[in-house]
Amino acid sequence: MVNKMAKKQLIEDILNKFARVKKSSKTKKGRFDYFLLVLANPESKYKTIHVAGTSGKGSTATFISSILANSGARVGLNLSPHVELVTERIQINNKPISAEVFYKYLKEILPLTREVESSVGPLSYFEVLTGLAFYIFAREKVEIAVIETGIGGSRDVTNVITPEVAVLTNVDLDHTQVLGNTIEKIARDKAGIIKLGIPVVTGVTQPSVQEIVGDVVSKNSSPLYTVGKEIQYVAHTATPAGSVFSANTPWGAFQNLEITLPGLFQIENATLALAAVLAMKNNLVTQEAIRNGLRKAYIPGRFEIIQKDPPIVLDGAHNPAKIRALLYSVQKLFPDKEICVFMVPKKDRDMAQIVDVVTKFSNNIILTQLEGVPIPGLLARTTSYFQSKVGVAPLVFTDSLEAFEETKKMLKTNEVLVVTGSFYLAGEIKRKGRAVTS
């Protein structure tokens, strides 16, 4: 009998084989279509909601799923990336499936992945996980699944579904090597999830992006609902324990809605989720389900406060837009605290922008790297970026867990520590049990 920990390791060992295989982007779409075919097209057996955007996708999808689950539906939720365990990516009624269930279904589809490989080439890690999620949702008889894109929209492997609603959270520069080097190019790719006649709910703000989304919506004869236009919200209170807000929508007004996910940006994510659920045809979601769903929603690694005094905030923000929103919220929610940023640098392409963002909020920086995956020279180059920007070199540790322990010891009562730069860093901290909730 394989115990729980052994199954978790087996799962990782199996999936890591797919992670190591290099793929041809030219065959990606056909390869995944064929994979779904041999899985008997599980994605066609339930309704879906599709969520794309640069940031806020996971939180918005989680809010949507929580509202629907609290309305009595059996709801699948497919997220990426995970923080601690890969099972977090596949949830039913906002609970990750167990390692036992995950392993059972993974074993069932492995022969089919080999059939795909022999016919059209090897599948990627993300393709296997997405196909597995679709398969599990069908086998577990969900009524509706909320699907978060991986990268982009039109070329994303999740873009095989025809959803009840398409949600586009926002657009900023990210994954430029894949999606394009301008916001407009990225926007057009992400808008690729919009389908004929399907309602679209969006939080995009830039006029050029709104124009692109409007153009795609018009070509698809889709109803469009935009935060700041047809959808409005007002924040009443925002604290480290959560927020209270009200929203006006084409489907009615909602007063004093509560969320327990902290961060000012979560108010907009919750508003988008509310609108997405209301935009569904034949929507029967009650006020009670909306209120309970928003209040109960939880997602790890997103403004997660893992210590209260002095505060430590864990967040997987990894691009300039996400880090800006994170640090702005930290500044507003902890106005009497100095911000200390503990982070892993990304690849060089975004680092200059990230340094510009971080140094607007803090000069107290600690740099580290992920366990077992150092990028040669990146720490040194990032250190130079920070030093040239603020005149002071950041502290540098090559061991992330040692760095976190040392930083906690140095943390003063008038400081708030923000751990960011990668969901995998957040996972390392939590998985090793080094973060102690006070």
Protein backbone atom coordinates (compact mmCIF):
# COMPACT_ATOMS: atom_id res chain seq x y z
CA MET A 1 0.00 0.00 0.00
CA VAL A 2 1.49 3.32 -1.06
CA ASN A 3 1.17 5.89 1.74
CA LYS A 4 0.16 9.51 1.24
CA MET A 5 3.66 10.99 1.24
CA ALA A 6 4.90 8.33 -1.17
CA LYS A 7 2.01 9.09 -3.51
CA LYS A 8 2.86 12.78 -3.48
CA GLN A 9 6.41 11.92 -4.46
CA LEU A 10 5.22 9.51 -7.15
CA ILE A 11 3.00 12.24 -8.58
CA GLU A 12 5.92 14.69 -8.71
CA ASP A 13 8.23 12.09 -10.26
CA ILE A 14 5.69 11.27 -12.98
CA LEU A 15 4.89 14.89 -13.82
CA ASN A 16 8.53 15.99 -13.78
CA LYS A 17 9.21 13.64 -16.70
CA PHE A 18 6.84 15.76 -18.77
CA ALA A 19 8.43 18.98 -17.50
CA ARG A 20 11.81 17.94 -18.87
CA VAL A 21 10.58 17.28 -22.41
CA LYS A 22 11.12 20.10 -24.93
CA LYS A 23 8.18 20.94 -27.15
CA SER A 24 7.53 22.39 -30.58
CA SER A 25 5.05 25.27 -30.35
CA LYS A 26 4.02 24.58 -33.93
CA THR A 27 2.39 21.29 -32.95
CA LYS A 28 1.10 22.29 -29.53
CA LYS A 29 -2.53 22.96 -30.44
CA GLY A 30 -2.94 19.81 -32.50
CA ARG A 31 -1.16 17.74 -29.88
CA PHE A 32 -3.45 18.87 -27.07
CA ASP A 33 -6.56 18.49 -29.24
CA TYR A 34 -5.51 14.90 -29.91
CA PHE A 35 -4.94 14.34 -26.18
CA LEU A 36 -8.48 15.51 -25.44
CA LEU A 37 -9.79 13.25 -28.18
CA VAL A 38 -8.20 10.15 -26.64
CA LEU A 39 -9.57 11.28 -23.26
CA ALA A 40 -13.05 11.27 -24.89
CA ASN A 41 -13.31 15.09 -24.82
CA PRO A 42 -14.05 15.46 -21.11
CA GLU A 43 -14.20 19.28 -21.41
CA SER A 44 -17.49 18.97 -23.31
CA LYS A 45 -19.30 17.22 -20.46
CA TYR A 46 -19.91 20.26 -18.21
CA LYS A 47 -20.28 24.02 -18.41
CA THR A 48 -17.25 26.27 -18.00
CA ILE A 49 -16.16 29.81 -17.18
CA HIS A 50 -12.83 30.94 -18.66
CA VAL A 51 -10.55 33.43 -16.85
CA ALA A 52 -7.56 35.14 -18.50
CA GLY A 53 -5.47 38.23 -17.71
CA THR A 54 -2.05 39.34 -16.52
CA SER A 55 -2.82 39.25 -12.81
CA GLY A 56 -5.73 38.39 -10.53
CA LYS A 57 -6.78 35.33 -12.56
CA GLY A 58 -6.41 32.84 -9.74
CA SER A 59 -8.17 34.97 -7.15
CA THR A 60 -11.01 35.89 -9.52
CA ALA A 61 -11.47 32.24 -10.51
CA THR A 62 -11.48 31.24 -6.83
CA PHE A 63 -14.15 33.84 -5.99
CA ILE A 64 -16.30 32.62 -8.91
CA SER A 65 -15.95 28.99 -7.85
CA SER A 66 -16.76 29.82 -4.23
CA ILE A 67 -19.94 31.70 -5.16
CA LEU A 68 -21.13 28.86 -7.39
CA ALA A 69 -20.28 26.19 -4.79
CA ASN A 70 -22.21 28.12 -2.16
CA SER A 71 -25.20 28.17 -4.52
CA GLY A 72 -25.30 24.36 -4.32
CA ALA A 73 -23.52 23.51 -7.58
CA ARG A 74 -20.73 20.94 -7.86
CA VAL A 75 -17.87 23.09 -9.15
CA GLY A 76 -14.47 22.28 -10.60
CA LEU A 77 -11.64 24.80 -10.32
CA ASN A 78 -8.45 24.60 -12.37
CA LEU A 79 -5.65 26.96 -11.23
CA SER A 80 -1.98 27.53 -11.96
CA PRO A 81 0.60 27.65 -10.61
CA HIS A 82 0.48 25.87 -7.27
CA VAL A 83 2.19 27.06 -4.10
CA GLU A 84 3.00 23.89 -2.16
CA LEU A 85 1.40 20.86 -3.82
CA VAL A 86 0.43 20.24 -7.43
CA THR A 87 -2.95 18.97 -6.20
CA GLU A 88 -3.86 22.61 -5.48
CA ARG A 89 -4.36 23.06 -9.23
CA ILE A 90 -7.39 20.77 -9.40
CA GLN A 91 -10.17 21.51 -6.93
CA ILE A 92 -13.78 20.53 -6.41
CA ASN A 93 -15.94 22.96 -4.45
CA ASN A 94 -12.78 24.94 -3.62
CA LYS A 95 -10.99 22.01 -1.99
CA PRO A 96 -7.90 20.52 -3.66
CA ILE A 97 -8.43 16.89 -4.53
CA SER A 98 -6.50 14.45 -2.36
CA ALA A 99 -3.17 12.97 -3.41
CA GLU A 100 -4.90 9.58 -3.53
CA VAL A 101 -7.57 10.76 -5.99
CA PHE A 102 -5.03 12.69 -8.04
CA TYR A 103 -2.75 9.65 -8.29
CA LYS A 104 -5.65 7.34 -9.19
CA TYR A 105 -6.70 9.46 -12.17
CA LEU A 106 -3.14 10.24 -13.21
CA LYS A 107 -2.47 6.50 -13.47
CA GLU A 108 -5.59 6.12 -15.61
CA ILE A 109 -4.47 8.66 -18.21
CA LEU A 110 -0.77 7.75 -18.38
CA PRO A 111 -1.29 5.09 -21.09
CA LEU A 112 -3.15 7.72 -23.12
CA THR A 113 -0.28 10.21 -22.81
CA ARG A 114 1.98 7.54 -24.30
CA GLU A 115 -0.48 7.04 -27.16
CA VAL A 116 -0.34 10.80 -27.86
CA GLU A 117 3.45 10.78 -27.74
CA SER A 118 3.70 7.94 -30.23
CA SER A 119 1.28 9.66 -32.63
CA VAL A 120 1.97 13.43 -32.44
CA GLY A 121 4.79 13.94 -29.95
CA PRO A 122 5.29 14.24 -26.18
CA LEU A 123 2.96 16.30 -24.04
CA SER A 124 4.14 19.14 -21.78
CA TYR A 125 3.73 19.35 -18.01
CA PHE A 126 0.97 21.96 -18.38
CA GLU A 127 -0.82 19.99 -21.10
CA VAL A 128 -0.90 16.87 -18.95
CA LEU A 129 -2.16 18.79 -15.92
CA THR A 130 -4.84 20.59 -17.95
CA GLY A 131 -6.02 17.39 -19.61
CA LEU A 132 -6.02 15.67 -16.23
CA ALA A 133 -8.12 18.47 -14.71
CA PHE A 134 -10.68 18.22 -17.53
CA TYR A 135 -10.74 14.43 -17.13
CA ILE A 136 -11.17 14.56 -13.34
CA PHE A 137 -13.98 17.09 -13.60
CA ALA A 138 -15.84 14.78 -15.98
CA ARG A 139 -15.23 11.67 -13.87
CA GLU A 140 -16.25 13.51 -10.69
CA LYS A 141 -19.38 14.82 -12.41
CA VAL A 142 -18.96 18.54 -11.82
CA GLU A 143 -21.73 20.75 -13.20
CA ILE A 144 -19.50 23.70 -14.05
CA ALA A 145 -15.73 24.25 -14.07
CA VAL A 146 -13.85 27.52 -13.68
CA ILE A 147 -10.73 27.39 -15.83
CA GLU A 148 -7.76 29.74 -15.42
CA THR A 149 -5.49 30.15 -18.43
CA GLY A 150 -1.80 29.43 -18.12
CA ILE A 151 -0.13 31.96 -20.42
CA GLY A 152 -2.08 34.24 -22.72
CA GLY A 153 -5.40 33.30 -24.23
CA SER A 154 -5.71 32.44 -27.90
CA ARG A 155 -2.67 30.13 -27.86
CA ASP A 156 -3.22 28.78 -24.36
CA VAL A 157 -4.03 25.06 -24.21
CA THR A 158 -7.12 25.80 -22.11
CA ASN A 159 -8.61 27.70 -25.06
CA VAL A 160 -10.49 24.64 -26.29
CA ILE A 161 -13.59 25.38 -24.24
CA THR A 162 -16.66 27.39 -25.13
CA PRO A 163 -17.49 28.99 -21.79
CA GLU A 164 -20.66 30.44 -20.36
CA VAL A 165 -18.71 33.63 -19.61
CA ALA A 166 -15.21 34.87 -20.56
CA VAL A 167 -13.41 36.92 -17.91
CA LEU A 168 -10.43 39.15 -18.76
CA THR A 169 -9.03 40.55 -15.52
CA ASN A 170 -6.46 43.06 -16.81
CA VAL A 171 -3.53 43.33 -19.21
CA ASP A 172 0.07 44.29 -18.57
CA LEU A 173 3.52 43.25 -19.73
CA ASP A 174 4.26 39.63 -18.84
CA HIS A 175 5.56 36.59 -20.73
CA THR A 176 6.62 38.99 -23.49
CA GLN A 177 8.84 36.35 -25.10
CA VAL A 178 5.68 34.35 -25.89
CA LEU A 179 2.84 36.86 -26.11
CA GLY A 180 4.50 39.95 -27.61
CA ASN A 181 6.46 42.95 -26.39
CA THR A 182 3.62 45.48 -26.20
CA ILE A 183 0.51 45.63 -24.05
CA GLU A 184 -1.60 45.77 -27.22
CA LYS A 185 -0.12 42.52 -28.60
CA ILE A 186 -0.64 40.80 -25.26
CA ALA A 187 -4.21 42.12 -25.06
CA ARG A 188 -5.10 40.73 -28.47
CA ASP A 189 -3.76 37.33 -27.47
CA LYS A 190 -5.60 37.28 -24.14
CA ALA A 191 -8.82 38.42 -25.83
CA GLY A 192 -8.59 35.20 -27.83
CA ILE A 193 -10.68 33.47 -25.15
CA ILE A 194 -13.72 35.48 -26.31
CA LYS A 195 -16.15 33.26 -28.23
CA LEU A 196 -19.16 33.94 -30.43
CA GLY A 197 -22.07 35.39 -28.44
CA ILE A 198 -20.53 34.62 -25.05
CA PRO A 199 -20.74 37.39 -22.40
CA VAL A 200 -17.43 39.08 -21.55
CA VAL A 201 -16.58 40.62 -18.17
CA THR A 202 -13.38 42.64 -17.93
CA GLY A 203 -11.31 44.88 -15.70
CA VAL A 204 -8.97 46.25 -18.38
CA THR A 205 -8.32 49.97 -17.98
CA GLN A 206 -5.98 51.16 -20.73
CA PRO A 207 -7.90 52.88 -23.57
CA SER A 208 -5.90 51.00 -26.23
CA VAL A 209 -6.66 47.68 -24.57
CA GLN A 210 -10.33 48.53 -24.12
CA GLU A 211 -10.45 49.32 -27.83
CA ILE A 212 -8.94 45.93 -28.71
CA VAL A 213 -11.31 44.06 -26.41
CA GLY A 214 -14.23 46.05 -27.81
CA ASP A 215 -13.18 45.15 -31.34
CA VAL A 216 -12.98 41.41 -30.55
CA VAL A 217 -16.29 41.55 -28.69
CA SER A 218 -17.96 43.32 -31.61
CA LYS A 219 -16.71 40.73 -34.10
CA ASN A 220 -18.11 37.98 -31.88
CA SER A 221 -21.43 39.76 -31.14
CA SER A 222 -20.74 39.29 -27.43
CA PRO A 223 -22.20 41.35 -24.58
CA LEU A 224 -19.45 43.33 -22.81
CA TYR A 225 -19.39 44.44 -19.17
CA THR A 226 -16.45 46.54 -17.98
CA VAL A 227 -15.45 47.50 -14.43
CA GLY A 228 -15.55 51.28 -14.27
CA LYS A 229 -18.35 51.45 -16.85
CA GLU A 230 -21.28 49.04 -16.61
CA ILE A 231 -19.86 47.66 -13.35
CA GLN A 232 -18.93 49.93 -10.44
CA TYR A 233 -17.62 49.24 -6.96
CA VAL A 234 -16.88 51.29 -3.85
CA ALA A 235 -14.48 50.15 -1.13
CA HIS A 236 -15.77 50.91 2.37
CA THR A 237 -13.06 49.37 4.56
CA ALA A 238 -9.79 47.61 3.81
CA THR A 239 -7.69 46.01 6.56
CA PRO A 240 -5.23 43.11 6.84
CA ALA A 241 -8.25 40.98 7.81
CA GLY A 242 -10.11 41.71 4.56
CA SER A 243 -12.38 44.30 2.99
CA VAL A 244 -15.98 45.47 2.76
CA PHE A 245 -17.29 46.93 -0.49
CA SER A 246 -20.45 47.57 -2.47
CA ALA A 247 -21.05 46.98 -6.17
CA ASN A 248 -23.50 48.20 -8.79
CA THR A 249 -24.03 45.92 -11.77
CA PRO A 250 -26.48 45.63 -14.68
CA TRP A 251 -28.11 42.83 -12.65
CA GLY A 252 -28.59 44.76 -9.43
CA ALA A 253 -26.83 46.49 -6.54
CA PHE A 254 -25.04 44.67 -3.74
CA GLN A 255 -24.28 46.43 -0.46
CA ASN A 256 -21.59 45.68 2.12
CA LEU A 257 -20.05 42.57 0.59
CA GLU A 258 -17.24 41.06 2.66
CA ILE A 259 -14.05 39.35 1.56
CA THR A 260 -11.40 37.90 3.86
CA LEU A 261 -8.63 37.88 1.24
CA PRO A 262 -6.60 41.00 2.10
CA GLY A 263 -5.21 43.37 -0.51
CA LEU A 264 -6.96 46.29 -2.21
CA PHE A 265 -6.69 44.52 -5.58
CA GLN A 266 -8.90 41.72 -4.26
CA ILE A 267 -11.89 44.06 -4.21
CA GLU A 268 -11.74 44.37 -8.00
CA ASN A 269 -11.17 40.63 -8.38
CA ALA A 270 -14.25 39.96 -6.24
CA THR A 271 -16.28 42.46 -8.28
CA LEU A 272 -15.25 40.74 -11.52
CA ALA A 273 -16.23 37.38 -10.05
CA LEU A 274 -19.60 38.72 -8.96
CA ALA A 275 -20.28 40.11 -12.43
CA ALA A 276 -19.12 36.89 -14.13
CA VAL A 277 -21.57 34.79 -12.15
CA LEU A 278 -24.42 37.24 -12.75
CA ALA A 279 -23.68 37.39 -16.49
CA MET A 280 -24.36 33.67 -16.91
CA LYS A 281 -27.54 32.75 -18.76
CA ASN A 282 -30.30 31.29 -16.58
CA ASN A 283 -28.42 32.49 -13.53
CA LEU A 284 -30.09 31.38 -10.30
CA VAL A 285 -27.40 32.43 -7.82
CA THR A 286 -28.86 34.00 -4.70
CA GLN A 287 -27.69 36.98 -2.67
CA GLU A 288 -26.87 34.58 0.16
CA ALA A 289 -24.65 32.44 -2.10
CA ILE A 290 -22.86 35.56 -3.34
CA ARG A 291 -22.21 36.86 0.17
CA ASN A 292 -21.13 33.50 1.58
CA GLY A 293 -19.03 32.66 -1.47
CA LEU A 294 -17.11 35.93 -1.42
CA ARG A 295 -16.54 35.77 2.33
CA LYS A 296 -15.35 32.14 2.36
CA ALA A 297 -13.01 32.30 -0.64
CA TYR A 298 -9.39 31.48 0.17
CA ILE A 299 -6.30 31.05 -1.99
CA PRO A 300 -2.77 30.48 -0.67
CA GLY A 301 0.18 32.60 -1.66
CA ARG A 302 -1.86 35.71 -2.47
CA PHE A 303 -1.32 38.39 0.19
CA GLU A 304 -1.19 35.62 2.74
CA ILE A 305 -0.31 36.97 6.17
CA ILE A 306 1.74 34.20 7.79
CA GLN A 307 2.84 36.18 10.83
CA LYS A 308 1.02 39.04 12.52
CA ASP A 309 3.60 40.75 14.74
CA PRO A 310 5.71 41.94 13.11
CA PRO A 311 3.72 41.18 9.98
CA ILE A 312 4.99 38.89 7.22
CA VAL A 313 3.10 38.86 3.92
CA LEU A 314 3.59 36.02 1.46
CA ASP A 315 2.66 36.69 -2.18
CA GLY A 316 3.70 35.07 -5.45
CA ALA A 317 3.72 38.33 -7.44
CA HIS A 318 6.33 37.95 -10.16
CA ASN A 319 5.91 40.75 -12.70
CA PRO A 320 6.02 44.56 -12.39
CA ALA A 321 2.23 45.01 -12.40
CA LYS A 322 1.61 42.37 -9.72
CA ILE A 323 4.45 43.59 -7.50
CA ARG A 324 3.24 47.19 -7.81
CA ALA A 325 -0.30 46.21 -6.76
CA LEU A 326 1.05 44.10 -3.90
CA LEU A 327 3.35 46.75 -2.46
CA TYR A 328 0.73 49.48 -2.86
CA SER A 329 -1.70 47.37 -0.84
CA VAL A 330 0.94 46.66 1.82
CA GLN A 331 1.63 50.38 2.10
CA LYS A 332 -2.08 51.18 2.51
CA LEU A 333 -2.89 48.34 4.91
CA PHE A 334 0.21 48.83 7.08
CA PRO A 335 0.65 52.64 6.92
CA ASP A 336 2.75 52.77 10.09
CA LYS A 337 5.22 50.11 8.93
CA GLU A 338 8.37 50.32 6.84
CA ILE A 339 8.37 47.79 4.01
CA CYS A 340 11.13 45.21 3.79
CA VAL A 341 11.13 43.18 0.54
CA PHE A 342 12.43 39.60 0.50
CA MET A 343 12.45 38.33 -3.06
CA VAL A 344 13.85 36.07 -5.73
CA PRO A 345 14.76 37.88 -8.95
CA LYS A 346 13.18 36.88 -12.23
CA LYS A 347 15.07 36.51 -15.45
CA ASP A 348 16.79 39.66 -16.66
CA ARG A 349 14.06 40.71 -19.09
CA ASP A 350 11.80 42.11 -16.32
CA MET A 351 14.35 42.94 -13.66
CA ALA A 352 14.95 46.61 -14.48
CA GLN A 353 11.19 47.31 -14.31
CA ILE A 354 10.79 45.28 -11.12
CA VAL A 355 13.66 47.18 -9.48
CA ASP A 356 11.99 50.47 -10.47
CA VAL A 357 8.74 49.33 -8.87
CA VAL A 358 10.25 47.89 -5.68
CA THR A 359 12.46 50.90 -4.96
CA LYS A 360 9.46 53.23 -5.03
CA PHE A 361 8.26 51.45 -1.89
CA SER A 362 11.43 50.25 -0.16
CA ASN A 363 15.22 50.44 -0.07
CA ASN A 364 15.41 47.52 2.37
CA ILE A 365 15.86 44.54 0.03
CA ILE A 366 16.93 40.94 0.62
CA LEU A 367 17.67 38.83 -2.46
CA THR A 368 17.80 35.05 -2.62
CA GLN A 369 17.27 32.22 -5.09
CA LEU A 370 15.04 29.18 -5.30
CA GLU A 371 16.27 25.96 -3.77
CA GLY A 372 18.06 23.84 -6.33
CA VAL A 373 17.44 26.15 -9.30
CA PRO A 374 20.08 28.90 -9.21
CA ILE A 375 20.43 31.05 -12.32
CA PRO A 376 24.16 31.75 -12.78
CA GLY A 377 25.01 35.42 -12.39
CA LEU A 378 21.41 36.56 -11.88
CA LEU A 379 21.80 37.44 -8.20
CA ALA A 380 24.93 39.48 -8.96
CA ARG A 381 23.26 41.35 -11.84
CA THR A 382 20.15 42.04 -9.77
CA THR A 383 22.29 43.31 -6.91
CA SER A 384 23.93 45.74 -9.34
CA TYR A 385 20.50 46.93 -10.54
CA PHE A 386 19.41 47.74 -7.00
CA GLN A 387 22.71 49.33 -6.00
CA SER A 388 22.74 51.62 -9.04
CA LYS A 389 19.13 52.60 -8.32
CA VAL A 390 19.32 53.38 -4.58
CA GLY A 391 23.04 53.51 -3.86
CA VAL A 392 22.87 50.65 -1.34
CA ALA A 393 23.47 47.00 -2.15
CA PRO A 394 20.76 44.59 -0.99
CA LEU A 395 21.53 41.71 1.35
CA VAL A 396 22.13 38.55 -0.68
CA PHE A 397 21.67 34.92 0.40
CA THR A 398 22.05 31.90 -1.86
CA ASP A 399 19.95 29.68 0.45
CA SER A 400 16.34 30.88 0.54
CA LEU A 401 15.38 29.14 3.78
CA GLU A 402 18.49 30.34 5.62
CA ALA A 403 17.78 33.80 4.23
CA PHE A 404 14.21 33.74 5.50
CA GLU A 405 15.25 32.64 8.99
CA GLU A 406 17.93 35.33 9.20
CA THR A 407 15.56 37.99 7.89
CA LYS A 408 12.92 37.09 10.47
CA LYS A 409 15.51 37.55 13.22
CA MET A 410 16.41 41.01 11.88
CA LEU A 411 12.80 42.15 11.41
CA LYS A 412 11.90 45.12 13.59
CA THR A 413 8.52 45.86 15.17
CA ASN A 414 8.04 48.87 12.89
CA GLU A 415 8.58 46.81 9.72
CA VAL A 416 6.47 44.56 7.52
CA LEU A 417 8.24 41.83 5.57
CA VAL A 418 6.96 41.09 2.05
CA VAL A 419 8.07 37.75 0.61
CA THR A 420 7.55 37.84 -3.16
CA GLY A 421 8.88 37.21 -6.65
CA SER A 422 7.70 33.63 -7.13
CA PHE A 423 4.93 31.24 -6.08
CA TYR A 424 7.64 28.61 -5.75
CA LEU A 425 9.46 30.72 -3.16
CA ALA A 426 6.19 30.97 -1.24
CA GLY A 427 5.89 27.20 -1.50
CA GLU A 428 9.43 26.62 -0.23
CA ILE A 429 8.80 28.78 2.82
CA LYS A 430 5.48 27.12 3.65
CA ARG A 431 6.49 23.57 2.77
CA LYS A 432 9.52 23.54 5.02
CA GLY A 433 7.48 24.80 7.91
CA ARG A 434 9.76 27.76 8.44
CA ALA A 435 6.91 30.28 8.53
CA VAL A 436 5.16 30.25 11.91
CA THR A 437 1.74 31.85 12.14
CA SER A 438 1.51 33.95 15.25
